[in-house]
Protein backbone atom coordinates (compact mmCIF):
# COMPACT_ATOMS: atom_id res chain seq x y z
CA ALA A 1 16.31 2.22 -34.01
CA LEU A 2 17.40 -0.68 -31.85
CA GLN A 3 13.94 -1.83 -30.99
CA HIS A 4 12.79 -1.65 -34.74
CA GLU A 5 15.84 -3.90 -35.76
CA MET A 6 15.09 -6.36 -33.06
CA MET A 7 11.41 -6.47 -33.88
CA SER A 8 12.23 -6.90 -37.60
CA ARG A 9 14.60 -9.84 -36.82
CA CYS A 10 11.80 -11.54 -34.68
CA LEU A 11 9.26 -11.11 -37.51
CA GLU A 12 11.76 -12.74 -39.92
CA ARG A 13 12.18 -15.69 -37.64
CA GLY A 14 8.46 -16.09 -37.09
CA VAL A 15 8.48 -14.87 -33.47
CA THR A 16 5.05 -13.79 -32.53
CA ARG A 17 5.75 -12.10 -29.31
CA TYR A 18 7.99 -9.27 -28.38
CA ASN A 19 8.46 -7.58 -24.80
CA PHE A 20 9.21 -3.92 -24.64
CA TYR A 21 9.41 -4.39 -20.81
CA GLY A 22 9.06 -1.34 -18.39
CA ILE A 23 5.63 -0.21 -17.69
CA SER A 24 4.48 1.07 -14.14
CA GLY A 25 2.00 3.15 -12.75
CA VAL A 26 -1.95 3.30 -12.08
CA PHE A 27 -3.33 2.56 -15.49
CA ASP A 28 -6.88 3.53 -14.74
CA ASP A 29 -5.89 6.96 -14.05
CA PRO A 30 -5.57 9.06 -17.32
CA GLU A 31 -3.37 11.61 -15.52
CA ASP A 32 -0.76 9.09 -14.36
CA ASP A 33 2.76 9.46 -15.97
CA GLY A 34 2.98 5.87 -16.92
CA ARG A 35 -0.29 6.19 -18.97
CA GLY A 36 1.29 7.59 -22.13
CA VAL A 37 3.94 4.66 -22.24
CA LEU A 38 1.01 2.21 -21.67
CA GLU A 39 -0.82 3.74 -24.66
CA PHE A 40 2.17 3.86 -26.93
CA LYS A 41 2.66 0.07 -26.29
CA GLN A 42 -0.94 -0.77 -26.81
CA GLY A 43 -0.57 0.83 -30.22
CA PHE A 44 1.60 -2.33 -30.99
CA ASN A 45 -1.30 -4.40 -29.75
CA GLY A 46 0.32 -4.60 -26.37
CA TYR A 47 -1.29 -5.53 -23.13
CA VAL A 48 -0.45 -5.55 -19.35
CA GLU A 49 1.01 -8.66 -18.09
CA GLU A 50 2.26 -9.00 -14.48
CA LEU A 51 5.25 -11.09 -13.97
CA PRO A 52 7.54 -11.71 -10.97
CA GLY A 53 10.04 -9.14 -10.26
CA GLU A 54 13.78 -9.39 -10.45
CA PHE A 55 16.26 -10.07 -7.51
CA THR A 56 19.98 -9.90 -7.04
CA LEU A 57 22.00 -12.83 -5.98
CA PRO A 58 25.59 -11.75 -5.20
CA VAL A 59 28.30 -13.98 -6.18
CA SER A 60 30.76 -12.26 -3.71
CA LYS A 61 29.09 -10.63 -0.62
CA LEU A 62 32.12 -8.30 -0.17
CA ARG A 63 32.31 -7.10 -3.79
CA TYR A 64 28.52 -6.54 -3.74
CA GLY A 65 28.46 -4.65 -0.52
CA VAL A 66 31.48 -2.48 -1.75
CA SER A 67 29.60 -1.93 -5.04
CA ASP A 68 26.30 -1.13 -3.45
CA LEU A 69 27.96 1.37 -0.98
CA ALA A 70 29.66 3.09 -3.86
CA HIS A 71 26.40 3.36 -5.85
CA LYS A 72 24.70 4.92 -2.75
CA LEU A 73 27.39 7.33 -2.19
CA LEU A 74 27.71 8.44 -5.71
CA ARG A 75 23.85 8.86 -6.01
CA HIS A 76 23.85 11.62 -3.40
């Protein structure tokens, strides 16, 4: 519902491009798990576009270190 609302607002404002984000996989392999997501997005006239990844720039190294450690401990 949120994606639909955002796309509707973009159309109202004349925006011609909308990024769903989030595809990964081996797209020439029909058995790859990411293939279904790609095909869904292509139904909206989507295409694969590779962009640089993201990175984290900690403002406080101490807080980042504590937070990172907590996430690692809680994950296991």
